[in-house]
Amino acid sequence: MISFAKYYRKLVREVTGSLSALIENFDENAVHNMRVAYKKIRAMNNFILAEFGGKTDIHDQIRILDAIYKNTGIIREIQVSKKLSDRFRIKSDKSLDELFDYLDNRIAETKSVLAEQVRNFDIDGIKRFESKMYLILKEANEKRMFAKAVKFIKKRVKKSEFQVFERSDNERYHKIRSNIKEIYFFFQLLFSKDDCRKKNFDLKPLKKLGTKLGKWHDVEIFLEYIHSFAVEKYASDKLEVHSKYNKLISHLKVRQKKELKKIDHEIIITNNGLLEYLKSLRSK
């Protein structure tokens, strides 16, 4: 059975290691590694808060990392948007150079802010926090923690299925995407491949759904950057903006609608499979 205490310690060390790497190199791998480790800690923190409540000071400590995480998110989003921009720039004979330069400037500004945040980050403080959490988790009953974690996942699965039927706007898909990430993380944490195989359960559809929601999210963010660029660059001439970027925006919006039609059905099917697997654990 998984040791929650040891795993939490491992995650904190991954974050601190990634932060050290960010000081030296702001490439995509350094940004990606820091964000992956942080998101796992955030998922664990959500569970720990549900389990221990006020016995921890998670909210106070995790704020230390929030600003850094948000800025690495901006860098990651711009890196992805640059790839999308570059793809369209090639197809449209470099007519999107202005947008591409705008993204370059934004990423340079964010890197400057992030570098200062990382240099001033209190590594010793987060290590002290990790030591405290390690002791709290080590003293907990592992079997009880496992059972609580299973209930925690069930709530997340049911929540994401409910969100499918909420009013039709993009916000619900952002919420679903966040839930799917936590669900996938906890399934990997709690259940081995052998556990899943014995119950004829395949985790690949959940991973595939997360990937699709991720690609949808990337395009949504790209559309937001196009809008912010257009407002900043051509605020006095909306017609020029519309004319210059209409083809790109129209293409992306059509693509988004097609993706969402597939995603709603997949969420329901995938969630049903997850719940069936979780119910089957009672027979163990």
Protein backbone atom coordinates (compact mmCIF):
# COMPACT_ATOMS: atom_id res chain seq x y z
CA MET A 1 0.00 0.00 0.00
CA ILE A 2 1.18 3.51 -0.80
CA SER A 3 2.86 5.48 1.98
CA PHE A 4 1.18 8.89 1.83
CA ALA A 5 3.90 10.41 4.03
CA LYS A 6 6.77 9.27 1.81
CA TYR A 7 4.94 10.23 -1.36
CA TYR A 8 4.18 13.73 -0.09
CA ARG A 9 7.84 14.19 0.83
CA LYS A 10 8.81 13.04 -2.67
CA LEU A 11 6.47 15.61 -4.28
CA VAL A 12 7.79 18.52 -2.22
CA ARG A 13 11.34 17.57 -3.14
CA GLU A 14 10.36 17.43 -6.81
CA VAL A 15 9.00 20.99 -6.55
CA THR A 16 12.08 22.36 -4.81
CA GLY A 17 14.31 20.58 -7.33
CA SER A 18 12.32 22.03 -10.23
CA LEU A 19 12.58 25.51 -8.75
CA SER A 20 16.36 25.17 -8.63
CA ALA A 21 16.33 24.13 -12.29
CA LEU A 22 14.16 27.13 -13.18
CA ILE A 23 16.81 29.49 -11.82
CA GLU A 24 19.28 28.14 -14.37
CA ASN A 25 17.02 27.38 -17.30
CA PHE A 26 13.55 28.57 -18.29
CA ASP A 27 13.00 26.02 -21.06
CA GLU A 28 9.79 24.06 -21.50
CA ASN A 29 10.99 21.02 -19.54
CA ALA A 30 11.87 23.05 -16.44
CA VAL A 31 8.50 24.83 -16.55
CA HIS A 32 6.62 21.58 -17.20
CA ASN A 33 8.32 19.66 -14.36
CA MET A 34 7.61 22.35 -11.80
CA ARG A 35 3.94 22.58 -12.78
CA VAL A 36 3.38 18.80 -12.78
CA ALA A 37 4.89 18.41 -9.31
CA TYR A 38 2.92 21.39 -7.96
CA LYS A 39 -0.38 20.11 -9.35
CA LYS A 40 0.19 16.76 -7.63
CA ILE A 41 0.88 18.54 -4.34
CA ARG A 42 -2.27 20.61 -4.83
CA ALA A 43 -4.32 17.44 -5.38
CA MET A 44 -2.80 15.90 -2.25
CA ASN A 45 -3.49 19.08 -0.29
CA ASN A 46 -7.16 19.03 -1.31
CA PHE A 47 -7.40 15.47 -0.02
CA ILE A 48 -5.43 16.21 3.19
CA LEU A 49 -7.65 19.18 3.97
CA ALA A 50 -10.70 16.93 3.64
CA GLU A 51 -9.06 14.36 5.92
CA PHE A 52 -7.37 16.52 8.57
CA GLY A 53 -9.13 19.89 8.24
CA GLY A 54 -7.70 22.54 10.53
CA LYS A 55 -4.83 20.39 11.81
CA THR A 56 -2.57 21.69 9.03
CA ASP A 57 -1.55 25.11 7.76
CA ILE A 58 -1.67 24.11 4.09
CA HIS A 59 -3.49 27.25 2.98
CA ASP A 60 -0.82 29.53 4.42
CA GLN A 61 2.12 27.53 3.13
CA ILE A 62 0.84 26.76 -0.35
CA ARG A 63 0.35 30.46 -1.10
CA ILE A 64 4.13 30.70 -1.24
CA LEU A 65 4.09 28.60 -4.40
CA ASP A 66 0.88 29.98 -5.96
CA ALA A 67 2.40 33.07 -7.58
CA ILE A 68 5.28 31.05 -9.02
CA TYR A 69 2.89 28.42 -10.31
CA LYS A 70 0.68 31.04 -11.97
CA ASN A 71 3.63 32.64 -13.75
CA THR A 72 4.98 29.30 -14.93
CA GLY A 73 1.44 28.78 -16.24
CA ILE A 74 1.61 32.00 -18.24
CA ILE A 75 4.95 30.94 -19.70
CA ARG A 76 3.63 27.50 -20.56
CA GLU A 77 0.48 28.98 -22.17
CA ILE A 78 2.53 31.40 -24.25
CA GLN A 79 4.91 28.64 -25.32
CA VAL A 80 1.94 26.62 -26.57
CA SER A 81 0.34 29.70 -28.16
CA LYS A 82 3.60 30.47 -29.95
CA LYS A 83 3.57 27.00 -31.47
CA LEU A 84 -0.01 27.50 -32.65
CA SER A 85 0.83 30.99 -33.89
CA ASP A 86 3.91 29.74 -35.72
CA ARG A 87 1.90 26.99 -37.37
CA PHE A 88 -0.61 29.49 -38.75
CA ARG A 89 2.12 31.98 -39.55
CA ILE A 90 3.74 29.52 -41.92
CA LYS A 91 0.43 28.76 -43.60
CA SER A 92 -0.47 32.41 -44.00
CA ASP A 93 2.87 33.62 -45.34
CA LYS A 94 4.03 35.34 -42.15
CA SER A 95 0.96 37.55 -41.82
CA LEU A 96 0.91 36.82 -38.09
CA ASP A 97 4.34 38.23 -37.31
CA GLU A 98 2.90 40.97 -35.09
CA LEU A 99 1.06 38.44 -32.94
CA PHE A 100 4.16 36.27 -32.72
CA ASP A 101 6.27 39.25 -31.56
CA TYR A 102 3.61 40.16 -29.00
CA LEU A 103 3.82 36.66 -27.51
CA ASP A 104 7.62 36.89 -27.41
CA ASN A 105 7.42 40.14 -25.47
CA ARG A 106 4.89 38.74 -23.01
CA ILE A 107 7.01 35.69 -22.27
CA ALA A 108 10.13 37.83 -21.74
CA GLU A 109 8.27 40.03 -19.25
CA THR A 110 6.90 37.04 -17.35
CA LYS A 111 10.28 35.31 -17.20
CA SER A 112 11.79 38.41 -15.63
CA VAL A 113 9.14 38.48 -12.89
CA LEU A 114 9.35 34.72 -12.35
CA ALA A 115 13.15 34.76 -12.07
CA GLU A 116 12.90 37.25 -9.21
CA GLN A 117 10.19 35.18 -7.47
CA VAL A 118 12.24 32.00 -7.71
CA ARG A 119 15.42 33.69 -6.43
CA ASN A 120 13.50 34.99 -3.40
CA PHE A 121 11.70 31.72 -2.70
CA ASP A 122 12.15 30.37 0.85
CA ILE A 123 13.32 26.80 0.17
CA ASP A 124 14.02 26.18 3.86
CA GLY A 125 10.50 27.30 4.75
CA ILE A 126 8.85 24.81 2.42
CA LYS A 127 11.16 22.06 3.68
CA ARG A 128 10.06 22.76 7.26
CA PHE A 129 6.46 22.57 6.09
CA GLU A 130 7.18 19.26 4.36
CA SER A 131 8.70 17.84 7.57
CA LYS A 132 5.59 18.79 9.52
CA MET A 133 3.28 17.22 6.93
CA TYR A 134 5.42 14.08 6.85
CA LEU A 135 4.92 13.55 10.59
CA ILE A 136 1.16 14.16 10.36
CA LEU A 137 0.76 11.68 7.50
CA LYS A 138 3.12 9.13 9.03
CA GLU A 139 0.99 8.96 12.20
CA ALA A 140 -2.21 8.43 10.19
CA ASN A 141 -3.71 4.99 9.63
CA GLU A 142 -2.77 4.00 6.05
CA LYS A 143 -5.80 1.77 5.46
CA ARG A 144 -8.13 4.49 6.64
CA MET A 145 -6.30 7.01 4.44
CA PHE A 146 -6.71 4.69 1.44
CA ALA A 147 -10.46 4.33 2.07
CA LYS A 148 -10.80 8.09 2.46
CA ALA A 149 -8.88 8.64 -0.78
CA VAL A 150 -11.25 6.30 -2.64
CA LYS A 151 -14.25 8.29 -1.35
CA PHE A 152 -12.47 11.49 -2.35
CA ILE A 153 -12.06 10.20 -5.92
CA LYS A 154 -15.71 9.15 -6.12
CA LYS A 155 -16.80 12.66 -5.21
CA ARG A 156 -14.54 14.10 -7.90
CA VAL A 157 -15.88 11.69 -10.54
CA LYS A 158 -19.51 12.47 -9.69
CA LYS A 159 -18.71 16.19 -9.66
CA SER A 160 -17.22 16.14 -13.16
CA GLU A 161 -20.24 14.19 -14.48
CA PHE A 162 -22.63 16.70 -12.92
CA GLN A 163 -20.69 19.56 -14.52
CA VAL A 164 -21.43 18.14 -17.98
CA PHE A 165 -25.08 19.10 -17.48
CA GLU A 166 -24.40 22.60 -16.18
CA ARG A 167 -25.15 25.58 -18.38
CA SER A 168 -23.30 25.42 -21.66
CA ASP A 169 -20.27 27.64 -21.31
CA ASN A 170 -16.54 27.18 -21.41
CA GLU A 171 -16.08 27.60 -17.66
CA ARG A 172 -17.56 24.17 -16.94
CA TYR A 173 -14.95 22.50 -19.16
CA HIS A 174 -12.15 24.23 -17.28
CA LYS A 175 -13.63 22.82 -14.04
CA ILE A 176 -14.02 19.35 -15.54
CA ARG A 177 -10.45 19.45 -16.80
CA SER A 178 -9.19 20.29 -13.31
CA ASN A 179 -11.22 17.44 -11.81
CA ILE A 180 -10.00 14.95 -14.42
CA LYS A 181 -6.39 15.80 -13.56
CA GLU A 182 -6.95 15.09 -9.87
CA ILE A 183 -8.84 11.87 -10.60
CA TYR A 184 -6.09 10.60 -12.88
CA PHE A 185 -3.40 11.49 -10.36
CA PHE A 186 -5.14 9.63 -7.53
CA PHE A 187 -5.82 6.56 -9.67
CA GLN A 188 -2.11 6.37 -10.50
CA LEU A 189 -1.23 6.90 -6.86
CA LEU A 190 -3.61 4.34 -5.32
CA PHE A 191 -3.94 1.58 -7.89
CA SER A 192 -1.15 -0.36 -9.56
CA LYS A 193 -1.40 -1.65 -13.13
CA ASP A 194 -1.96 -5.12 -11.69
CA ASP A 195 -4.87 -3.83 -9.60
CA CYS A 196 -6.53 -2.45 -12.72
CA ARG A 197 -5.74 -5.51 -14.82
CA LYS A 198 -7.36 -7.87 -12.29
CA LYS A 199 -10.59 -5.88 -12.56
CA ASN A 200 -10.33 -5.53 -16.37
CA PHE A 201 -10.09 -1.78 -15.93
CA ASP A 202 -8.19 0.41 -18.39
CA LEU A 203 -7.01 3.87 -17.32
CA LYS A 204 -6.17 4.91 -20.89
CA PRO A 205 -9.61 6.46 -21.67
CA LEU A 206 -9.19 8.78 -18.67
CA LYS A 207 -5.73 9.82 -19.85
CA LYS A 208 -7.05 10.30 -23.39
CA LEU A 209 -9.91 12.46 -22.10
CA GLY A 210 -7.46 14.58 -20.14
CA THR A 211 -5.31 15.04 -23.25
CA LYS A 212 -8.32 16.13 -25.32
CA LEU A 213 -9.41 18.63 -22.68
CA GLY A 214 -5.82 19.88 -22.54
CA LYS A 215 -5.73 20.51 -26.29
CA TRP A 216 -9.10 22.25 -26.12
CA HIS A 217 -7.78 24.42 -23.28
CA ASP A 218 -4.64 25.33 -25.26
CA VAL A 219 -6.72 26.71 -28.13
CA GLU A 220 -8.99 28.62 -25.73
CA ILE A 221 -5.94 30.30 -24.21
CA PHE A 222 -4.57 31.08 -27.67
CA LEU A 223 -7.86 32.77 -28.56
CA GLU A 224 -7.58 34.85 -25.39
CA TYR A 225 -4.08 35.98 -26.35
CA ILE A 226 -5.27 36.92 -29.85
CA HIS A 227 -8.00 39.02 -28.25
CA SER A 228 -5.68 40.74 -25.75
CA PHE A 229 -3.18 41.46 -28.53
CA ALA A 230 -5.89 42.85 -30.78
CA VAL A 231 -7.23 45.15 -28.05
CA GLU A 232 -3.74 46.39 -27.21
CA LYS A 233 -2.57 46.83 -30.79
CA TYR A 234 -5.72 47.90 -32.63
CA ALA A 235 -8.07 49.20 -29.94
CA SER A 236 -8.99 52.18 -32.11
CA ASP A 237 -9.79 50.13 -35.18
CA LYS A 238 -11.90 47.03 -34.47
CA LEU A 239 -12.65 46.50 -38.14
CA GLU A 240 -8.96 46.11 -38.94
CA VAL A 241 -8.61 43.52 -36.20
CA HIS A 242 -11.64 41.62 -37.39
CA SER A 243 -10.44 41.61 -40.98
CA LYS A 244 -6.84 40.63 -40.25
CA TYR A 245 -7.53 37.80 -37.81
CA ASN A 246 -11.01 36.70 -38.81
CA LYS A 247 -9.82 33.63 -40.72
CA LEU A 248 -7.68 32.41 -37.84
CA ILE A 249 -10.32 33.04 -35.15
CA SER A 250 -13.10 31.44 -37.21
CA HIS A 251 -10.99 28.35 -37.88
CA LEU A 252 -10.15 27.90 -34.20
CA LYS A 253 -13.75 28.37 -33.02
CA VAL A 254 -15.04 25.77 -35.48
CA ARG A 255 -12.37 23.38 -34.25
CA GLN A 256 -13.38 24.00 -30.63
CA LYS A 257 -17.06 23.26 -31.26
CA LYS A 258 -16.20 19.95 -32.93
CA GLU A 259 -14.01 18.93 -30.00
CA LEU A 260 -16.64 19.73 -27.37
CA LYS A 261 -19.29 17.62 -29.11
CA LYS A 262 -17.04 14.58 -28.68
CA ILE A 263 -15.90 15.45 -25.16
CA ASP A 264 -19.33 15.54 -23.42
CA HIS A 265 -20.11 11.95 -24.42
CA GLU A 266 -16.62 10.75 -23.48
CA ILE A 267 -16.84 12.32 -20.02
CA ILE A 268 -20.03 10.38 -19.20
CA ILE A 269 -18.70 7.07 -20.58
CA THR A 270 -15.34 7.44 -18.85
CA ASN A 271 -16.89 8.44 -15.53
CA ASN A 272 -19.21 5.42 -15.60
CA GLY A 273 -16.18 3.18 -16.03
CA LEU A 274 -14.38 4.86 -13.14
CA LEU A 275 -17.35 4.49 -10.80
CA GLU A 276 -17.79 0.81 -11.72
CA TYR A 277 -14.16 0.15 -10.88
CA LEU A 278 -14.40 1.97 -7.55
CA LYS A 279 -17.56 0.02 -6.65
CA SER A 280 -15.77 -3.25 -7.45
CA LEU A 281 -13.24 -2.54 -4.68
CA ARG A 282 -15.90 -3.51 -2.12
CA SER A 283 -15.60 -7.11 -3.24
CA LYS A 284 -11.88 -7.24 -2.33
